[in-house]
């Protein structure tokens, strides 16, 4: 698990940008009167490539190993949640918050799986 501030900042930035862009694009494409399941599937289809592109763009600066999984997960989950709950006010802000939540999830999961190293 990375503890240097530069790389942690990069992880947070990549997740916020990926989540915000995925949320914004999903809010732009999915109308507010769609069925929630269709909006979620459409948001997932929009958010997955956005997260992958975000991870690809941030990888040279902050390392592919640390950035790709959280950024891809952030884009996909932000697209799904914003597509499902499009009636919320700001889709980009919702996506950014979801991006940070995905990063926290990834860090906690990595800490749990890593365990005590002897």
C-alpha atoms as a PDB file:
ATOM      1  CA  UNK A   1       0.000   0.000   0.000  1.00  0.00           C
ATOM      2  CA  UNK A   2       1.442   3.336  -1.057  1.00  0.00           C
ATOM      3  CA  UNK A   3       2.065   5.867   1.713  1.00  0.00           C
ATOM      4  CA  UNK A   4       3.968   8.636  -0.103  1.00  0.00           C
ATOM      5  CA  UNK A   5       1.878  11.788  -0.379  1.00  0.00           C
ATOM      6  CA  UNK A   6       2.547  12.302  -4.101  1.00  0.00           C
ATOM      7  CA  UNK A   7       1.080   8.924  -5.029  1.00  0.00           C
ATOM      8  CA  UNK A   8      -1.847   9.188  -2.619  1.00  0.00           C
ATOM      9  CA  UNK A   9      -2.646  12.581  -4.141  1.00  0.00           C
ATOM     10  CA  UNK A  10      -2.495  10.963  -7.582  1.00  0.00           C
ATOM     11  CA  UNK A  11      -4.872   8.198  -6.542  1.00  0.00           C
ATOM     12  CA  UNK A  12      -7.373  10.678  -5.136  1.00  0.00           C
ATOM     13  CA  UNK A  13      -7.099  12.934  -8.182  1.00  0.00           C
ATOM     14  CA  UNK A  14      -7.527  10.043 -10.633  1.00  0.00           C
ATOM     15  CA  UNK A  15     -10.591   8.737  -8.780  1.00  0.00           C
ATOM     16  CA  UNK A  16     -12.220  12.155  -8.465  1.00  0.00           C
ATOM     17  CA  UNK A  17     -11.665  12.995 -12.129  1.00  0.00           C
ATOM     18  CA  UNK A  18     -12.789   9.574 -13.379  1.00  0.00           C
ATOM     19  CA  UNK A  19     -15.892   9.592 -11.181  1.00  0.00           C
ATOM     20  CA  UNK A  20     -16.808  13.184 -12.016  1.00  0.00           C
ATOM     21  CA  UNK A  21     -16.411  12.721 -15.782  1.00  0.00           C
ATOM     22  CA  UNK A  22     -18.330   9.430 -15.727  1.00  0.00           C
ATOM     23  CA  UNK A  23     -21.103  11.040 -13.667  1.00  0.00           C
ATOM     24  CA  UNK A  24     -21.262  14.080 -15.922  1.00  0.00           C
ATOM     25  CA  UNK A  25     -21.354  12.027 -19.127  1.00  0.00           C
ATOM     26  CA  UNK A  26     -23.975   9.691 -17.696  1.00  0.00           C
ATOM     27  CA  UNK A  27     -26.116  12.611 -16.586  1.00  0.00           C
ATOM     28  CA  UNK A  28     -25.754  14.108 -20.059  1.00  0.00           C
ATOM     29  CA  UNK A  29     -26.722  10.899 -21.909  1.00  0.00           C
ATOM     30  CA  UNK A  30     -29.353   9.318 -19.625  1.00  0.00           C
ATOM     31  CA  UNK A  31     -32.653  11.219 -19.486  1.00  0.00           C
ATOM     32  CA  UNK A  32     -34.357  11.596 -16.133  1.00  0.00           C
ATOM     33  CA  UNK A  33     -37.469   9.645 -17.125  1.00  0.00           C
ATOM     34  CA  UNK A  34     -35.790   6.309 -17.939  1.00  0.00           C
ATOM     35  CA  UNK A  35     -36.367   3.169 -15.917  1.00  0.00           C
ATOM     36  CA  UNK A  36     -33.706   2.943 -13.170  1.00  0.00           C
ATOM     37  CA  UNK A  37     -32.268  -0.405 -14.286  1.00  0.00           C
ATOM     38  CA  UNK A  38     -31.826   0.778 -17.878  1.00  0.00           C
ATOM     39  CA  UNK A  39     -30.178   3.969 -16.619  1.00  0.00           C
ATOM     40  CA  UNK A  40     -27.829   1.943 -14.414  1.00  0.00           C
ATOM     41  CA  UNK A  41     -26.786  -0.373 -17.256  1.00  0.00           C
ATOM     42  CA  UNK A  42     -26.287   2.579 -19.595  1.00  0.00           C
ATOM     43  CA  UNK A  43     -24.283   4.400 -16.912  1.00  0.00           C
ATOM     44  CA  UNK A  44     -22.094   1.336 -16.434  1.00  0.00           C
ATOM     45  CA  UNK A  45     -21.467   1.152 -20.176  1.00  0.00           C
ATOM     46  CA  UNK A  46     -20.476   4.835 -20.168  1.00  0.00           C
ATOM     47  CA  UNK A  47     -18.472   4.745 -16.936  1.00  0.00           C
ATOM     48  CA  UNK A  48     -16.280   1.715 -17.708  1.00  0.00           C
ATOM     49  CA  UNK A  49     -14.428   3.254 -20.668  1.00  0.00           C
ATOM     50  CA  UNK A  50     -14.214   6.612 -18.873  1.00  0.00           C
ATOM     51  CA  UNK A  51     -12.552   4.953 -15.880  1.00  0.00           C
ATOM     52  CA  UNK A  52     -10.187   2.977 -18.075  1.00  0.00           C
ATOM     53  CA  UNK A  53      -9.182   6.086 -20.027  1.00  0.00           C
ATOM     54  CA  UNK A  54      -8.738   8.003 -16.766  1.00  0.00           C
ATOM     55  CA  UNK A  55      -6.508   5.273 -15.385  1.00  0.00           C
ATOM     56  CA  UNK A  56      -4.543   5.197 -18.617  1.00  0.00           C
ATOM     57  CA  UNK A  57      -4.019   8.978 -18.559  1.00  0.00           C
ATOM     58  CA  UNK A  58      -2.932   9.104 -14.897  1.00  0.00           C
ATOM     59  CA  UNK A  59      -0.740   5.964 -15.008  1.00  0.00           C
ATOM     60  CA  UNK A  60       2.427   7.601 -16.391  1.00  0.00           C
ATOM     61  CA  UNK A  61       2.355  10.165 -13.579  1.00  0.00           C
ATOM     62  CA  UNK A  62       1.380   8.016 -10.606  1.00  0.00           C
ATOM     63  CA  UNK A  63       1.996   4.389 -11.574  1.00  0.00           C
ATOM     64  CA  UNK A  64      -0.289   1.959 -13.332  1.00  0.00           C
ATOM     65  CA  UNK A  65      -0.477  -0.524 -10.482  1.00  0.00           C
ATOM     66  CA  UNK A  66      -1.923   1.963  -8.008  1.00  0.00           C
ATOM     67  CA  UNK A  67      -4.142   3.982 -10.332  1.00  0.00           C
ATOM     68  CA  UNK A  68      -5.824   1.603 -12.769  1.00  0.00           C
ATOM     69  CA  UNK A  69      -8.049  -0.387 -10.407  1.00  0.00           C
ATOM     70  CA  UNK A  70      -9.425   2.517  -8.329  1.00  0.00           C
ATOM     71  CA  UNK A  71      -9.914   4.766 -11.375  1.00  0.00           C
ATOM     72  CA  UNK A  72     -11.681   2.055 -13.383  1.00  0.00           C
ATOM     73  CA  UNK A  73     -13.872   1.119 -10.434  1.00  0.00           C
ATOM     74  CA  UNK A  74     -14.670   4.786  -9.784  1.00  0.00           C
ATOM     75  CA  UNK A  75     -15.778   5.390 -13.356  1.00  0.00           C
ATOM     76  CA  UNK A  76     -17.940   2.294 -13.488  1.00  0.00           C
ATOM     77  CA  UNK A  77     -19.633   2.754 -10.103  1.00  0.00           C
ATOM     78  CA  UNK A  78     -20.136   6.497 -10.629  1.00  0.00           C
ATOM     79  CA  UNK A  79     -21.774   5.837 -13.992  1.00  0.00           C
ATOM     80  CA  UNK A  80     -24.042   3.191 -12.501  1.00  0.00           C
ATOM     81  CA  UNK A  81     -25.140   5.219  -9.486  1.00  0.00           C
ATOM     82  CA  UNK A  82     -25.637   8.467 -11.378  1.00  0.00           C
ATOM     83  CA  UNK A  83     -27.497   6.653 -14.164  1.00  0.00           C
ATOM     84  CA  UNK A  84     -29.793   5.041 -11.616  1.00  0.00           C
ATOM     85  CA  UNK A  85     -30.405   8.131  -9.534  1.00  0.00           C
ATOM     86  CA  UNK A  86     -30.314  10.806 -12.212  1.00  0.00           C
ATOM     87  CA  UNK A  87     -32.789  12.953 -10.333  1.00  0.00           C
ATOM     88  CA  UNK A  88     -30.005  14.086  -7.976  1.00  0.00           C
ATOM     89  CA  UNK A  89     -28.842  17.667  -8.384  1.00  0.00           C
ATOM     90  CA  UNK A  90     -25.219  17.622  -9.510  1.00  0.00           C
ATOM     91  CA  UNK A  91     -24.121  14.516 -11.349  1.00  0.00           C
ATOM     92  CA  UNK A  92     -20.430  15.463 -11.546  1.00  0.00           C
ATOM     93  CA  UNK A  93     -20.246  16.108  -7.793  1.00  0.00           C
ATOM     94  CA  UNK A  94     -21.997  12.819  -7.069  1.00  0.00           C
ATOM     95  CA  UNK A  95     -19.533  11.013  -9.317  1.00  0.00           C
ATOM     96  CA  UNK A  96     -16.558  12.646  -7.604  1.00  0.00           C
ATOM     97  CA  UNK A  97     -17.808  11.610  -4.155  1.00  0.00           C
ATOM     98  CA  UNK A  98     -18.360   8.065  -5.400  1.00  0.00           C
ATOM     99  CA  UNK A  99     -14.826   8.089  -6.808  1.00  0.00           C
ATOM    100  CA  UNK A 100     -13.369   8.889  -3.399  1.00  0.00           C
ATOM    101  CA  UNK A 101     -15.526   6.174  -1.847  1.00  0.00           C
ATOM    102  CA  UNK A 102     -14.181   3.627  -4.339  1.00  0.00           C
ATOM    103  CA  UNK A 103     -10.620   4.663  -3.510  1.00  0.00           C
ATOM    104  CA  UNK A 104     -11.262   4.188   0.208  1.00  0.00           C
ATOM    105  CA  UNK A 105     -12.787   0.777  -0.534  1.00  0.00           C
ATOM    106  CA  UNK A 106      -9.719  -0.263  -2.558  1.00  0.00           C
ATOM    107  CA  UNK A 107      -7.294   0.884   0.144  1.00  0.00           C
ATOM    108  CA  UNK A 108      -9.207  -0.884   2.921  1.00  0.00           C
ATOM    109  CA  UNK A 109      -9.493  -4.073   0.875  1.00  0.00           C
ATOM    110  CA  UNK A 110      -5.777  -3.998   0.098  1.00  0.00           C
ATOM    111  CA  UNK A 111      -4.917  -3.464   3.773  1.00  0.00           C
ATOM    112  CA  UNK A 112      -7.203  -6.349   4.770  1.00  0.00           C
ATOM    113  CA  UNK A 113      -5.821  -8.735   2.163  1.00  0.00           C
ATOM    114  CA  UNK A 114      -2.199  -7.794   2.834  1.00  0.00           C
ATOM    115  CA  UNK A 115      -2.437  -8.633   6.531  1.00  0.00           C
ATOM    116  CA  UNK A 116       0.587  -9.059   8.803  1.00  0.00           C
ATOM    117  CA  UNK A 117       3.773  -9.442   6.780  1.00  0.00           C
ATOM    118  CA  UNK A 118       6.568 -11.353   8.498  1.00  0.00           C
END
